[in-house]
Every structure is written in C-alpha cells, then in structure tokens.
Amino acid sequence: MAAAVSRLKGRLGAMQGARLTPKCLPTQAQPAPSKPGIEHLVPAQPDPSLCLMCGKPGEPRRAFAAILTPRKDEFLWLHLDPCHAQYVRQQTKRAESLVAEAY
C-alpha cells in the first residue's frame, strides 16, 4: 500500500510540473474576429439610461429590454412595446435599402 501511495505521489508531482494544456488549444485567448460592415448598422446610444427610440427612462411598468450588438459588452436599451417594434421596422428598412443598393 505504501508503495502504491508513493508511486501516486510521484506521478502527481510529475503532472504538476508538466504543462497540461492540450496542443490543439491556444495558450492565450484570442479576440473574436470582427465581421466587417456590421458595426455601422447598429445605432449609437449616447445614454443607456434612456430608451434608444423614445428617449424616455425605464419605469417599473415599462422596463427596458437589452438588445445584443456585435460590439463586445455593448447593448441597446429600449422599451418592449412599442419601441422594440419600431426599432425592428427601422432596422428592416435599413437592411432592405442596403440590399437594394448592392444590386
């Protein structure tokens, strides 16, 4: 039993000194590649305490919804109704106009 414990301790000591990162994984985190041309589609929100569409603050009865953006750790804040629907219509029109310009 003592021999088995001694072998186990020896193996653990060797493992602690060894690098255990698999070779297929990068050793340092790499930033996600940015997709060119997407950031300009997202409007800027100068004050996140105000709704992007109506400019009014959030209230208990009209809470904000966080809208994801392609920018890391950045969200757009808008009321769910009717501001979110207005935002979707606005973004749809922008996307359709860009597609029309491309053709």
PDB file of N, CA and C in Angstrom:
ATOM      1  N   MET A   1       0.825  -1.191   0.000  1.00  0.00           N
ATOM      2  CA  MET A   1       0.000   0.000   0.000  1.00  0.00           C
ATOM      3  C   MET A   1       0.869   1.255   0.000  1.00  0.00           C
ATOM      4  N   ALA A   2       1.896   1.275   0.797  1.00  0.00           N
ATOM      5  CA  ALA A   2       2.779   2.431   0.862  1.00  0.00           C
ATOM      6  C   ALA A   2       3.473   2.653  -0.472  1.00  0.00           C
ATOM      7  N   ALA A   3       3.796   1.565  -1.174  1.00  0.00           N
ATOM      8  CA  ALA A   3       4.444   1.687  -2.480  1.00  0.00           C
ATOM      9  C   ALA A   3       3.493   2.314  -3.494  1.00  0.00           C
ATOM     10  N   ALA A   4       2.213   1.936  -3.442  1.00  0.00           N
ATOM     11  CA  ALA A   4       1.222   2.492  -4.365  1.00  0.00           C
ATOM     12  C   ALA A   4       1.039   3.984  -4.110  1.00  0.00           C
ATOM     13  N   VAL A   5       1.000   4.385  -2.843  1.00  0.00           N
ATOM     14  CA  VAL A   5       0.855   5.791  -2.498  1.00  0.00           C
ATOM     15  C   VAL A   5       2.083   6.564  -2.965  1.00  0.00           C
ATOM     16  N   SER A   6       3.251   5.974  -2.804  1.00  0.00           N
ATOM     17  CA  SER A   6       4.486   6.622  -3.222  1.00  0.00           C
ATOM     18  C   SER A   6       4.506   6.826  -4.740  1.00  0.00           C
ATOM     19  N   ARG A   7       4.066   5.804  -5.497  1.00  0.00           N
ATOM     20  CA  ARG A   7       4.013   5.933  -6.973  1.00  0.00           C
ATOM     21  C   ARG A   7       3.019   7.014  -7.380  1.00  0.00           C
ATOM     22  N   LEU A   8       1.883   7.032  -6.687  1.00  0.00           N
ATOM     23  CA  LEU A   8       0.862   8.033  -6.997  1.00  0.00           C
ATOM     24  C   LEU A   8       1.389   9.434  -6.728  1.00  0.00           C
ATOM     25  N   LYS A   9       2.079   9.638  -5.606  1.00  0.00           N
ATOM     26  CA  LYS A   9       2.656  10.937  -5.302  1.00  0.00           C
ATOM     27  C   LYS A   9       3.691  11.339  -6.332  1.00  0.00           C
ATOM     28  N   GLY A  10       4.472  10.375  -6.797  1.00  0.00           N
ATOM     29  CA  GLY A  10       5.473  10.661  -7.820  1.00  0.00           C
ATOM     30  C   GLY A  10       4.827  11.097  -9.131  1.00  0.00           C
ATOM     31  N   ARG A  11       3.751  10.423  -9.503  1.00  0.00           N
ATOM     32  CA  ARG A  11       3.048  10.791 -10.742  1.00  0.00           C
ATOM     33  C   ARG A  11       2.395  12.170 -10.621  1.00  0.00           C
ATOM     34  N   LEU A  12       1.795  12.445  -9.462  1.00  0.00           N
ATOM     35  CA  LEU A  12       1.175  13.757  -9.262  1.00  0.00           C
ATOM     36  C   LEU A  12       2.218  14.861  -9.328  1.00  0.00           C
ATOM     37  N   GLY A  13       3.381  14.618  -8.742  1.00  0.00           N
ATOM     38  CA  GLY A  13       4.447  15.615  -8.787  1.00  0.00           C
ATOM     39  C   GLY A  13       4.904  15.875 -10.204  1.00  0.00           C
ATOM     40  N   ALA A  14       5.002  14.808 -10.994  1.00  0.00           N
ATOM     41  CA  ALA A  14       5.405  14.972 -12.392  1.00  0.00           C
ATOM     42  C   ALA A  14       4.346  15.728 -13.181  1.00  0.00           C
ATOM     43  N   MET A  15       3.061  15.461 -12.878  1.00  0.00           N
ATOM     44  CA  MET A  15       1.974  16.141 -13.591  1.00  0.00           C
ATOM     45  C   MET A  15       1.914  17.617 -13.232  1.00  0.00           C
ATOM     46  N   GLN A  16       2.216  17.946 -11.975  1.00  0.00           N
ATOM     47  CA  GLN A  16       2.175  19.342 -11.571  1.00  0.00           C
ATOM     48  C   GLN A  16       3.238  20.159 -12.286  1.00  0.00           C
ATOM     49  N   GLY A  17       4.355  19.544 -12.579  1.00  0.00           N
ATOM     50  CA  GLY A  17       5.418  20.255 -13.286  1.00  0.00           C
ATOM     51  C   GLY A  17       5.181  20.316 -14.780  1.00  0.00           C
ATOM     52  N   ALA A  18       4.344  19.418 -15.289  1.00  0.00           N
ATOM     53  CA  ALA A  18       4.100  19.366 -16.735  1.00  0.00           C
ATOM     54  C   ALA A  18       3.020  20.369 -17.118  1.00  0.00           C
ATOM     55  N   ARG A  19       3.066  20.781 -18.347  1.00  0.00           N
ATOM     56  CA  ARG A  19       2.039  21.674 -18.878  1.00  0.00           C
ATOM     57  C   ARG A  19       0.878  20.806 -19.344  1.00  0.00           C
ATOM     58  N   LEU A  20      -0.315  21.073 -18.833  1.00  0.00           N
ATOM     59  CA  LEU A  20      -1.455  20.211 -19.114  1.00  0.00           C
ATOM     60  C   LEU A  20      -2.385  20.775 -20.173  1.00  0.00           C
ATOM     61  N   THR A  21      -1.987  21.797 -20.870  1.00  0.00           N
ATOM     62  CA  THR A  21      -2.816  22.379 -21.918  1.00  0.00           C
ATOM     63  C   THR A  21      -2.703  21.523 -23.177  1.00  0.00           C
ATOM     64  N   PRO A  22      -3.814  21.057 -23.721  1.00  0.00           N
ATOM     65  CA  PRO A  22      -3.732  20.291 -24.960  1.00  0.00           C
ATOM     66  C   PRO A  22      -3.125  21.134 -26.080  1.00  0.00           C
ATOM     67  N   LYS A  23      -2.411  20.485 -26.956  1.00  0.00           N
ATOM     68  CA  LYS A  23      -1.731  21.202 -28.031  1.00  0.00           C
ATOM     69  C   LYS A  23      -2.699  21.828 -29.028  1.00  0.00           C
ATOM     70  N   CYS A  24      -3.903  21.283 -29.105  1.00  0.00           N
ATOM     71  CA  CYS A  24      -4.857  21.812 -30.084  1.00  0.00           C
ATOM     72  C   CYS A  24      -5.512  23.110 -29.609  1.00  0.00           C
ATOM     73  N   LEU A  25      -5.390  23.449 -28.313  1.00  0.00           N
ATOM     74  CA  LEU A  25      -5.996  24.669 -27.799  1.00  0.00           C
ATOM     75  C   LEU A  25      -4.972  25.785 -27.740  1.00  0.00           C
ATOM     76  N   PRO A  26      -5.360  27.009 -28.051  1.00  0.00           N
ATOM     77  CA  PRO A  26      -4.409  28.115 -27.926  1.00  0.00           C
ATOM     78  C   PRO A  26      -4.095  28.376 -26.462  1.00  0.00           C
ATOM     79  N   THR A  27      -2.883  28.781 -26.183  1.00  0.00           N
ATOM     80  CA  THR A  27      -2.484  29.030 -24.797  1.00  0.00           C
ATOM     81  C   THR A  27      -2.985  30.386 -24.320  1.00  0.00           C
ATOM     82  N   GLN A  28      -3.245  31.307 -25.221  1.00  0.00           N
ATOM     83  CA  GLN A  28      -3.777  32.611 -24.852  1.00  0.00           C
ATOM     84  C   GLN A  28      -5.094  32.833 -25.582  1.00  0.00           C
ATOM     85  N   ALA A  29      -6.015  33.501 -24.910  1.00  0.00           N
ATOM     86  CA  ALA A  29      -7.305  33.780 -25.537  1.00  0.00           C
ATOM     87  C   ALA A  29      -7.116  34.734 -26.703  1.00  0.00           C
ATOM     88  N   GLN A  30      -7.724  34.413 -27.805  1.00  0.00           N
ATOM     89  CA  GLN A  30      -7.664  35.242 -28.997  1.00  0.00           C
ATOM     90  C   GLN A  30      -8.971  36.019 -29.119  1.00  0.00           C
ATOM     91  N   PRO A  31      -8.930  37.291 -29.501  1.00  0.00           N
ATOM     92  CA  PRO A  31     -10.179  38.026 -29.691  1.00  0.00           C
ATOM     93  C   PRO A  31     -10.957  37.451 -30.863  1.00  0.00           C
ATOM     94  N   ALA A  32     -12.262  37.491 -30.722  1.00  0.00           N
ATOM     95  CA  ALA A  32     -13.112  37.003 -31.807  1.00  0.00           C
ATOM     96  C   ALA A  32     -12.922  37.895 -33.026  1.00  0.00           C
ATOM     97  N   PRO A  33     -12.848  37.293 -34.215  1.00  0.00           N
ATOM     98  CA  PRO A  33     -12.682  38.121 -35.410  1.00  0.00           C
ATOM     99  C   PRO A  33     -13.915  38.988 -35.623  1.00  0.00           C
ATOM    100  N   SER A  34     -13.685  40.243 -35.906  1.00  0.00           N
ATOM    101  CA  SER A  34     -14.824  41.128 -36.141  1.00  0.00           C
ATOM    102  C   SER A  34     -15.315  40.942 -37.564  1.00  0.00           C
ATOM    103  N   LYS A  35     -16.601  41.055 -37.717  1.00  0.00           N
ATOM    104  CA  LYS A  35     -17.213  40.914 -39.032  1.00  0.00           C
ATOM    105  C   LYS A  35     -17.278  42.304 -39.645  1.00  0.00           C
ATOM    106  N   PRO A  36     -16.572  42.520 -40.731  1.00  0.00           N
ATOM    107  CA  PRO A  36     -16.566  43.862 -41.310  1.00  0.00           C
ATOM    108  C   PRO A  36     -17.952  44.256 -41.813  1.00  0.00           C
ATOM    109  N   GLY A  37     -18.295  45.497 -41.563  1.00  0.00           N
ATOM    110  CA  GLY A  37     -19.531  46.009 -42.123  1.00  0.00           C
ATOM    111  C   GLY A  37     -20.748  45.857 -41.243  1.00  0.00           C
ATOM    112  N   ILE A  38     -20.626  45.252 -40.077  1.00  0.00           N
ATOM    113  CA  ILE A  38     -21.798  45.061 -39.235  1.00  0.00           C
ATOM    114  C   ILE A  38     -21.960  46.203 -38.246  1.00  0.00           C
ATOM    115  N   GLU A  39     -20.859  46.702 -37.704  1.00  0.00           N
ATOM    116  CA  GLU A  39     -20.935  47.714 -36.662  1.00  0.00           C
ATOM    117  C   GLU A  39     -21.685  48.964 -37.103  1.00  0.00           C
ATOM    118  N   HIS A  40     -21.545  49.345 -38.352  1.00  0.00           N
ATOM    119  CA  HIS A  40     -22.208  50.576 -38.783  1.00  0.00           C
ATOM    120  C   HIS A  40     -23.725  50.426 -38.880  1.00  0.00           C
ATOM    121  N   LEU A  41     -24.232  49.209 -38.820  1.00  0.00           N
ATOM    122  CA  LEU A  41     -25.682  49.007 -38.850  1.00  0.00           C
ATOM    123  C   LEU A  41     -26.319  49.236 -37.487  1.00  0.00           C
ATOM    124  N   VAL A  42     -25.514  49.227 -36.447  1.00  0.00           N
ATOM    125  CA  VAL A  42     -26.037  49.378 -35.094  1.00  0.00           C
ATOM    126  C   VAL A  42     -25.977  50.849 -34.697  1.00  0.00           C
ATOM    127  N   PRO A  43     -27.115  51.441 -34.352  1.00  0.00           N
ATOM    128  CA  PRO A  43     -27.097  52.853 -33.970  1.00  0.00           C
ATOM    129  C   PRO A  43     -26.381  53.042 -32.633  1.00  0.00           C
ATOM    130  N   ALA A  44     -25.842  54.215 -32.446  1.00  0.00           N
ATOM    131  CA  ALA A  44     -25.189  54.548 -31.182  1.00  0.00           C
ATOM    132  C   ALA A  44     -26.255  54.973 -30.174  1.00  0.00           C
ATOM    133  N   GLN A  45     -26.039  54.612 -28.931  1.00  0.00           N
ATOM    134  CA  GLN A  45     -26.949  55.021 -27.864  1.00  0.00           C
ATOM    135  C   GLN A  45     -26.146  55.851 -26.861  1.00  0.00           C
ATOM    136  N   PRO A  46     -26.261  57.183 -26.951  1.00  0.00           N
ATOM    137  CA  PRO A  46     -25.433  58.037 -26.105  1.00  0.00           C
ATOM    138  C   PRO A  46     -25.712  57.883 -24.611  1.00  0.00           C
ATOM    139  N   ASP A  47     -26.962  57.629 -24.230  1.00  0.00           N
ATOM    140  CA  ASP A  47     -27.305  57.499 -22.812  1.00  0.00           C
ATOM    141  C   ASP A  47     -28.079  56.201 -22.600  1.00  0.00           C
ATOM    142  N   PRO A  48     -27.436  55.154 -22.051  1.00  0.00           N
ATOM    143  CA  PRO A  48     -28.130  53.879 -21.874  1.00  0.00           C
ATOM    144  C   PRO A  48     -29.216  53.898 -20.801  1.00  0.00           C
ATOM    145  N   SER A  49     -29.355  55.009 -20.080  1.00  0.00           N
ATOM    146  CA  SER A  49     -30.443  55.091 -19.102  1.00  0.00           C
ATOM    147  C   SER A  49     -31.736  55.575 -19.749  1.00  0.00           C
ATOM    148  N   LEU A  50     -31.660  55.930 -21.037  1.00  0.00           N
ATOM    149  CA  LEU A  50     -32.841  56.364 -21.786  1.00  0.00           C
ATOM    150  C   LEU A  50     -33.091  55.412 -22.948  1.00  0.00           C
ATOM    151  N   CYS A  51     -34.346  55.210 -23.286  1.00  0.00           N
ATOM    152  CA  CYS A  51     -34.711  54.348 -24.405  1.00  0.00           C
ATOM    153  C   CYS A  51     -34.124  54.890 -25.705  1.00  0.00           C
ATOM    154  N   LEU A  52     -33.588  54.006 -26.508  1.00  0.00           N
ATOM    155  CA  LEU A  52     -32.989  54.404 -27.784  1.00  0.00           C
ATOM    156  C   LEU A  52     -34.015  55.054 -28.706  1.00  0.00           C
ATOM    157  N   MET A  53     -35.241  54.567 -28.701  1.00  0.00           N
ATOM    158  CA  MET A  53     -36.235  55.044 -29.655  1.00  0.00           C
ATOM    159  C   MET A  53     -37.020  56.266 -29.165  1.00  0.00           C
ATOM    160  N   CYS A  54     -37.526  56.229 -27.937  1.00  0.00           N
ATOM    161  CA  CYS A  54     -38.376  57.336 -27.480  1.00  0.00           C
ATOM    162  C   CYS A  54     -37.640  58.332 -26.593  1.00  0.00           C
ATOM    163  N   GLY A  55     -36.464  57.957 -26.086  1.00  0.00           N
ATOM    164  CA  GLY A  55     -35.677  58.870 -25.260  1.00  0.00           C
ATOM    165  C   GLY A  55     -36.158  59.010 -23.824  1.00  0.00           C
ATOM    166  N   LYS A  56     -37.115  58.174 -23.407  1.00  0.00           N
ATOM    167  CA  LYS A  56     -37.636  58.253 -22.041  1.00  0.00           C
ATOM    168  C   LYS A  56     -36.949  57.204 -21.158  1.00  0.00           C
ATOM    169  N   PRO A  57     -36.883  57.460 -19.844  1.00  0.00           N
ATOM    170  CA  PRO A  57     -36.247  56.481 -18.959  1.00  0.00           C
ATOM    171  C   PRO A  57     -37.133  55.259 -18.746  1.00  0.00           C
ATOM    172  N   GLY A  58     -36.494  54.181 -18.289  1.00  0.00           N
ATOM    173  CA  GLY A  58     -37.254  52.987 -17.949  1.00  0.00           C
ATOM    174  C   GLY A  58     -38.062  53.202 -16.686  1.00  0.00           C
ATOM    175  N   GLU A  59     -39.193  52.530 -16.590  1.00  0.00           N
ATOM    176  CA  GLU A  59     -40.078  52.621 -15.437  1.00  0.00           C
ATOM    177  C   GLU A  59     -40.477  51.203 -15.051  1.00  0.00           C
ATOM    178  N   PRO A  60     -40.972  51.021 -13.835  1.00  0.00           N
ATOM    179  CA  PRO A  60     -41.385  49.667 -13.445  1.00  0.00           C
ATOM    180  C   PRO A  60     -42.429  49.055 -14.389  1.00  0.00           C
ATOM    181  N   ARG A  61     -43.310  49.885 -14.906  1.00  0.00           N
ATOM    182  CA  ARG A  61     -44.342  49.367 -15.820  1.00  0.00           C
ATOM    183  C   ARG A  61     -43.838  49.244 -17.262  1.00  0.00           C
ATOM    184  N   ARG A  62     -42.769  49.962 -17.564  1.00  0.00           N
ATOM    185  CA  ARG A  62     -42.199  49.916 -18.916  1.00  0.00           C
ATOM    186  C   ARG A  62     -40.697  49.692 -18.803  1.00  0.00           C
ATOM    187  N   ALA A  63     -40.337  48.462 -18.514  1.00  0.00           N
ATOM    188  CA  ALA A  63     -38.931  48.123 -18.324  1.00  0.00           C
ATOM    189  C   ALA A  63     -38.213  48.065 -19.664  1.00  0.00           C
ATOM    190  N   PHE A  64     -36.904  48.188 -19.597  1.00  0.00           N
ATOM    191  CA  PHE A  64     -36.072  48.102 -20.794  1.00  0.00           C
ATOM    192  C   PHE A  64     -35.793  46.650 -21.156  1.00  0.00           C
ATOM    193  N   ALA A  65     -35.602  46.419 -22.443  1.00  0.00           N
ATOM    194  CA  ALA A  65     -35.100  45.142 -22.951  1.00  0.00           C
ATOM    195  C   ALA A  65     -33.708  45.403 -23.503  1.00  0.00           C
ATOM    196  N   ALA A  66     -32.797  44.499 -23.223  1.00  0.00           N
ATOM    197  CA  ALA A  66     -31.428  44.622 -23.727  1.00  0.00           C
ATOM    198  C   ALA A  66     -31.350  43.971 -25.101  1.00  0.00           C
ATOM    199  N   ILE A  67     -30.879  44.698 -26.079  1.00  0.00           N
ATOM    200  CA  ILE A  67     -30.717  44.195 -27.441  1.00  0.00           C
ATOM    201  C   ILE A  67     -29.224  43.981 -27.673  1.00  0.00           C
ATOM    202  N   LEU A  68     -28.852  42.786 -28.068  1.00  0.00           N
ATOM    203  CA  LEU A  68     -27.445  42.481 -28.321  1.00  0.00           C
ATOM    204  C   LEU A  68     -26.931  43.244 -29.532  1.00  0.00           C
ATOM    205  N   THR A  69     -25.655  43.577 -29.498  1.00  0.00           N
ATOM    206  CA  THR A  69     -24.990  44.218 -30.632  1.00  0.00           C
ATOM    207  C   THR A  69     -23.747  43.409 -30.975  1.00  0.00           C
ATOM    208  N   PRO A  70     -23.162  43.628 -32.149  1.00  0.00           N
ATOM    209  CA  PRO A  70     -21.930  42.908 -32.484  1.00  0.00           C
ATOM    210  C   PRO A  70     -20.710  43.428 -31.726  1.00  0.00           C
ATOM    211  N   ARG A  71     -20.876  44.505 -30.983  1.00  0.00           N
ATOM    212  CA  ARG A  71     -19.768  45.050 -30.200  1.00  0.00           C
ATOM    213  C   ARG A  71     -19.737  44.379 -28.831  1.00  0.00           C
ATOM    214  N   LYS A  72     -18.560  43.970 -28.413  1.00  0.00           N
ATOM    215  CA  LYS A  72     -18.408  43.251 -27.143  1.00  0.00           C
ATOM    216  C   LYS A  72     -18.884  44.115 -25.972  1.00  0.00           C
ATOM    217  N   ASP A  73     -19.690  43.513 -25.112  1.00  0.00           N
ATOM    218  CA  ASP A  73     -20.195  44.138 -23.889  1.00  0.00           C
ATOM    219  C   ASP A  73     -20.989  45.418 -24.140  1.00  0.00           C
ATOM    220  N   GLU A  74     -21.618  45.519 -25.287  1.00  0.00           N
ATOM    221  CA  GLU A  74     -22.448  46.693 -25.575  1.00  0.00           C
ATOM    222  C   GLU A  74     -23.851  46.233 -25.946  1.00  0.00           C
ATOM    223  N   PHE A  75     -24.830  46.876 -25.349  1.00  0.00           N
ATOM    224  CA  PHE A  75     -26.227  46.556 -25.612  1.00  0.00           C
ATOM    225  C   PHE A  75     -26.968  47.835 -25.982  1.00  0.00           C
ATOM    226  N   LEU A  76     -28.088  47.671 -26.641  1.00  0.00           N
ATOM    227  CA  LEU A  76     -29.020  48.774 -26.864  1.00  0.00           C
ATOM    228  C   LEU A  76     -30.180  48.555 -25.904  1.00  0.00           C
ATOM    229  N   TRP A  77     -30.674  49.635 -25.335  1.00  0.00           N
ATOM    230  CA  TRP A  77     -31.749  49.540 -24.360  1.00  0.00           C
ATOM    231  C   TRP A  77     -32.986  50.241 -24.897  1.00  0.00           C
ATOM    232  N   LEU A  78     -34.101  49.484 -24.971  1.00  0.00           N
ATOM    233  CA  LEU A  78     -35.360  50.051 -25.429  1.00  0.00           C
ATOM    234  C   LEU A  78     -36.530  49.440 -24.686  1.00  0.00           C
ATOM    235  N   HIS A  79     -37.623  50.179 -24.677  1.00  0.00           N
ATOM    236  CA  HIS A  79     -38.850  49.643 -24.100  1.00  0.00           C
ATOM    237  C   HIS A  79     -39.356  48.523 -25.006  1.00  0.00           C
ATOM    238  N   LEU A  80     -40.011  47.541 -24.399  1.00  0.00           N
ATOM    239  CA  LEU A  80     -40.506  46.421 -25.199  1.00  0.00           C
ATOM    240  C   LEU A  80     -41.593  46.849 -26.174  1.00  0.00           C
ATOM    241  N   ASP A  81     -42.536  47.638 -25.716  1.00  0.00           N
ATOM    242  CA  ASP A  81     -43.646  47.976 -26.597  1.00  0.00           C
ATOM    243  C   ASP A  81     -43.937  49.459 -26.476  1.00  0.00           C
ATOM    244  N   PRO A  82     -44.032  50.206 -27.491  1.00  0.00           N
ATOM    245  CA  PRO A  82     -43.926  49.924 -28.916  1.00  0.00           C
ATOM    246  C   PRO A  82     -42.517  50.162 -29.470  1.00  0.00           C
ATOM    247  N   CYS A  83     -41.591  50.548 -28.603  1.00  0.00           N
ATOM    248  CA  CYS A  83     -40.265  50.963 -29.081  1.00  0.00           C
ATOM    249  C   CYS A  83     -39.506  49.830 -29.774  1.00  0.00           C
ATOM    250  N   HIS A  84     -39.624  48.605 -29.241  1.00  0.00           N
ATOM    251  CA  HIS A  84     -38.921  47.488 -29.868  1.00  0.00           C
ATOM    252  C   HIS A  84     -39.445  47.241 -31.272  1.00  0.00           C
ATOM    253  N   ALA A  85     -40.758  47.266 -31.446  1.00  0.00           N
ATOM    254  CA  ALA A  85     -41.344  47.060 -32.773  1.00  0.00           C
ATOM    255  C   ALA A  85     -40.899  48.153 -33.738  1.00  0.00           C
ATOM    256  N   GLN A  86     -40.844  49.383 -33.259  1.00  0.00           N
ATOM    257  CA  GLN A  86     -40.383  50.498 -34.098  1.00  0.00           C
ATOM    258  C   GLN A  86     -38.919  50.289 -34.492  1.00  0.00           C
ATOM    259  N   TYR A  87     -38.086  49.831 -33.555  1.00  0.00           N
ATOM    260  CA  TYR A  87     -36.672  49.569 -33.840  1.00  0.00           C
ATOM    261  C   TYR A  87     -36.522  48.472 -34.902  1.00  0.00           C
ATOM    262  N   VAL A  88     -37.304  47.407 -34.765  1.00  0.00           N
ATOM    263  CA  VAL A  88     -37.236  46.310 -35.747  1.00  0.00           C
ATOM    264  C   VAL A  88     -37.637  46.811 -37.128  1.00  0.00           C
ATOM    265  N   ARG A  89     -38.700  47.618 -37.209  1.00  0.00           N
ATOM    266  CA  ARG A  89     -39.116  48.173 -38.506  1.00  0.00           C
ATOM    267  C   ARG A  89     -38.013  49.053 -39.093  1.00  0.00           C
ATOM    268  N   GLN A  90     -37.409  49.890 -38.266  1.00  0.00           N
ATOM    269  CA  GLN A  90     -36.337  50.781 -38.719  1.00  0.00           C
ATOM    270  C   GLN A  90     -35.149  49.974 -39.244  1.00  0.00           C
ATOM    271  N   GLN A  91     -34.734  48.947 -38.507  1.00  0.00           N
ATOM    272  CA  GLN A  91     -33.592  48.149 -38.924  1.00  0.00           C
ATOM    273  C   GLN A  91     -33.917  47.340 -40.187  1.00  0.00           C
ATOM    274  N   THR A  92     -35.153  46.889 -40.318  1.00  0.00           N
ATOM    275  CA  THR A  92     -35.560  46.159 -41.520  1.00  0.00           C
ATOM    276  C   THR A  92     -35.474  47.063 -42.742  1.00  0.00           C
ATOM    277  N   LYS A  93     -35.937  48.299 -42.601  1.00  0.00           N
ATOM    278  CA  LYS A  93     -35.850  49.248 -43.720  1.00  0.00           C
ATOM    279  C   LYS A  93     -34.398  49.531 -44.087  1.00  0.00           C
ATOM    280  N   ARG A  94     -33.532  49.679 -43.068  1.00  0.00           N
ATOM    281  CA  ARG A  94     -32.112  49.927 -43.344  1.00  0.00           C
ATOM    282  C   ARG A  94     -31.489  48.748 -44.089  1.00  0.00           C
ATOM    283  N   ALA A  95     -31.799  47.540 -43.647  1.00  0.00           N
ATOM    284  CA  ALA A  95     -31.241  46.352 -44.291  1.00  0.00           C
ATOM    285  C   ALA A  95     -31.755  46.212 -45.723  1.00  0.00           C
ATOM    286  N   GLU A  96     -33.037  46.457 -45.929  1.00  0.00           N
ATOM    287  CA  GLU A  96     -33.602  46.363 -47.277  1.00  0.00           C
ATOM    288  C   GLU A  96     -32.991  47.405 -48.211  1.00  0.00           C
ATOM    289  N   SER A  97     -32.742  48.607 -47.707  1.00  0.00           N
ATOM    290  CA  SER A  97     -32.139  49.635 -48.561  1.00  0.00           C
ATOM    291  C   SER A  97     -30.697  49.272 -48.917  1.00  0.00           C
ATOM    292  N   LEU A  98     -29.972  48.664 -47.979  1.00  0.00           N
ATOM    293  CA  LEU A  98     -28.601  48.233 -48.274  1.00  0.00           C
ATOM    294  C   LEU A  98     -28.578  47.120 -49.314  1.00  0.00           C
ATOM    295  N   VAL A  99     -29.528  46.203 -49.208  1.00  0.00           N
ATOM    296  CA  VAL A  99     -29.605  45.125 -50.203  1.00  0.00           C
ATOM    297  C   VAL A  99     -29.956  45.700 -51.565  1.00  0.00           C
ATOM    298  N   ALA A 100     -30.896  46.655 -51.590  1.00  0.00           N
ATOM    299  CA  ALA A 100     -31.275  47.276 -52.868  1.00  0.00           C
ATOM    300  C   ALA A 100     -30.101  48.011 -53.486  1.00  0.00           C
ATOM    301  N   GLU A 101     -29.267  48.685 -52.657  1.00  0.00           N
ATOM    302  CA  GLU A 101     -28.094  49.381 -53.179  1.00  0.00           C
ATOM    303  C   GLU A 101     -27.059  48.411 -53.713  1.00  0.00           C
ATOM    304  N   ALA A 102     -26.990  47.230 -53.142  1.00  0.00           N
ATOM    305  CA  ALA A 102     -25.987  46.236 -53.564  1.00  0.00           C
ATOM    306  C   ALA A 102     -26.321  45.652 -54.935  1.00  0.00           C
ATOM    307  N   TYR A 103     -27.583  45.690 -55.316  1.00  0.00           N
ATOM    308  CA  TYR A 103     -27.970  45.118 -56.607  1.00  0.00           C
ATOM    309  C   TYR A 103     -28.293  46.208 -57.534  1.00  0.00           C
TER     310      TYR A 103
END
